[in-house]
Protein backbone atom coordinates (compact mmCIF):
# COMPACT_ATOMS: atom_id res chain seq x y z
CA UNK A 1 6.47 -31.70 -27.15
CA UNK A 2 10.26 -32.01 -27.31
CA UNK A 3 11.90 -33.66 -30.27
CA UNK A 4 14.06 -36.79 -30.00
CA UNK A 5 17.45 -35.85 -28.59
CA UNK A 6 15.94 -32.97 -26.63
CA UNK A 7 17.69 -31.84 -23.43
CA UNK A 8 14.27 -32.14 -21.75
CA UNK A 9 12.44 -35.19 -20.50
CA UNK A 10 8.68 -34.59 -20.34
CA UNK A 11 6.02 -36.60 -18.55
CA UNK A 12 2.48 -35.92 -17.36
CA UNK A 13 1.31 -36.52 -13.81
CA UNK A 14 -2.27 -35.81 -12.71
CA UNK A 15 -2.80 -33.45 -15.64
CA UNK A 16 0.40 -31.53 -14.93
CA UNK A 17 3.31 -31.51 -17.37
CA UNK A 18 6.54 -32.35 -15.54
CA UNK A 19 9.86 -31.42 -17.11
CA UNK A 20 13.24 -32.75 -16.00
CA UNK A 21 16.61 -32.12 -17.57
CA UNK A 22 18.78 -34.76 -19.17
CA UNK A 23 21.98 -32.87 -18.35
CA UNK A 24 23.33 -32.10 -14.90
CA UNK A 25 25.04 -28.91 -16.04
CA UNK A 26 22.96 -26.22 -17.78
CA UNK A 27 25.58 -23.79 -19.07
CA UNK A 28 25.78 -24.33 -22.83
CA UNK A 29 24.29 -21.34 -24.64
CA UNK A 30 22.94 -23.32 -27.59
CA UNK A 31 21.39 -25.99 -25.38
CA UNK A 32 19.75 -23.31 -23.22
CA UNK A 33 18.22 -21.72 -26.31
CA UNK A 34 16.75 -25.11 -27.21
CA UNK A 35 15.40 -25.56 -23.68
CA UNK A 36 13.78 -22.12 -23.70
CA UNK A 37 12.26 -22.66 -27.15
CA UNK A 38 10.86 -26.08 -26.26
CA UNK A 39 9.37 -24.84 -22.99
CA UNK A 40 7.71 -21.85 -24.67
CA UNK A 41 6.37 -24.09 -27.47
CA UNK A 42 4.75 -26.35 -24.85
CA UNK A 43 2.93 -23.35 -23.39
CA UNK A 44 1.61 -22.26 -26.76
CA UNK A 45 -0.40 -25.46 -26.93
CA UNK A 46 -3.13 -24.39 -24.49
CA UNK A 47 -4.43 -21.84 -21.99
CA UNK A 48 -4.14 -22.71 -18.33
CA UNK A 49 -1.10 -24.90 -18.93
CA UNK A 50 0.18 -26.50 -15.71
CA UNK A 51 3.93 -27.00 -15.58
CA UNK A 52 6.38 -28.32 -13.01
CA UNK A 53 10.10 -28.01 -13.68
CA UNK A 54 12.10 -30.50 -11.63
CA UNK A 55 15.77 -29.67 -11.01
CA UNK A 56 16.55 -32.97 -9.31
CA UNK A 57 19.33 -33.89 -11.77
CA UNK A 58 20.78 -30.38 -12.13
CA UNK A 59 24.00 -29.44 -10.36
CA UNK A 60 24.79 -26.12 -12.05
CA UNK A 61 22.96 -23.61 -14.20
CA UNK A 62 23.72 -20.27 -15.79
CA UNK A 63 22.02 -16.92 -15.49
CA UNK A 64 20.76 -17.52 -19.03
CA UNK A 65 18.71 -20.43 -17.66
CA UNK A 66 17.28 -18.15 -14.98
CA UNK A 67 16.30 -15.70 -17.73
CA UNK A 68 14.61 -18.50 -19.67
CA UNK A 69 12.62 -19.45 -16.57
CA UNK A 70 11.45 -15.85 -16.22
CA UNK A 71 10.22 -15.87 -19.83
CA UNK A 72 8.38 -19.14 -19.21
CA UNK A 73 6.83 -17.72 -16.06
CA UNK A 74 5.66 -14.58 -17.88
CA UNK A 75 4.20 -16.64 -20.72
CA UNK A 76 2.32 -18.83 -18.25
CA UNK A 77 0.95 -15.85 -16.36
CA UNK A 78 -0.36 -14.27 -19.54
CA UNK A 79 -2.19 -17.49 -20.45
CA UNK A 80 -3.54 -18.18 -16.95
CA UNK A 81 -1.13 -21.08 -16.51
CA UNK A 82 0.67 -22.27 -13.41
CA UNK A 83 4.32 -23.03 -12.74
CA UNK A 84 6.07 -24.80 -9.90
CA UNK A 85 9.75 -25.55 -9.45
CA UNK A 86 11.07 -28.38 -7.32
CA UNK A 87 14.09 -30.29 -6.08
CA UNK A 88 16.52 -27.37 -6.13
CA UNK A 89 19.88 -28.44 -4.70
CA UNK A 90 22.03 -26.17 -2.54
CA UNK A 91 23.76 -24.28 -5.37
CA UNK A 92 20.62 -23.88 -7.43
CA UNK A 93 18.59 -22.78 -4.42
CA UNK A 94 21.32 -20.28 -3.53
CA UNK A 95 21.17 -18.80 -7.06
CA UNK A 96 17.42 -18.25 -6.63
CA UNK A 97 17.98 -16.63 -3.24
CA UNK A 98 20.81 -14.33 -4.37
CA UNK A 99 18.81 -13.12 -7.37
CA UNK A 100 15.58 -12.83 -5.32
CA UNK A 101 13.87 -15.18 -7.78
CA UNK A 102 12.57 -17.22 -4.86
CA UNK A 103 10.04 -14.39 -4.43
CA UNK A 104 8.83 -14.82 -8.02
CA UNK A 105 8.75 -18.61 -8.32
CA UNK A 106 6.87 -21.12 -6.24
CA UNK A 107 9.56 -23.54 -5.10
CA UNK A 108 8.67 -26.93 -3.64
CA UNK A 109 10.75 -29.57 -1.88
CA UNK A 110 9.47 -32.46 -4.02
CA UNK A 111 7.89 -33.16 -7.37
CA UNK A 112 4.78 -34.49 -5.65
CA UNK A 113 4.36 -31.27 -3.65
CA UNK A 114 4.86 -29.17 -6.79
CA UNK A 115 2.31 -31.20 -8.80
CA UNK A 116 -0.27 -30.89 -6.01
CA UNK A 117 0.30 -27.13 -5.74
CA UNK A 118 0.07 -26.53 -9.50
CA UNK A 119 -2.93 -28.78 -10.04
């Protein structure tokens, strides 16, 4: 699980790990490396890991964050895990559409919908 001072806030709902971001802007290269590392470390804990990443607080993100999400998705697939994304605002949703990542990720309108789908 993330260390104190982590850019991630992690909770568990109905057996699904839910990650939110403490920062509204995800552009800093060093912070994004920490986010990617912490997410991958969570997945290493068990097979069939169920993860929801909630973008409710996020206003802007970089392509590096999109790359990190792809790595997380690949790691989950190889360990029979499940991933859902939720609460993408207009700009974030547009980034997923432009890059065709909406075809790769399961995107849900709410955290509740994402948790139910991943469970």
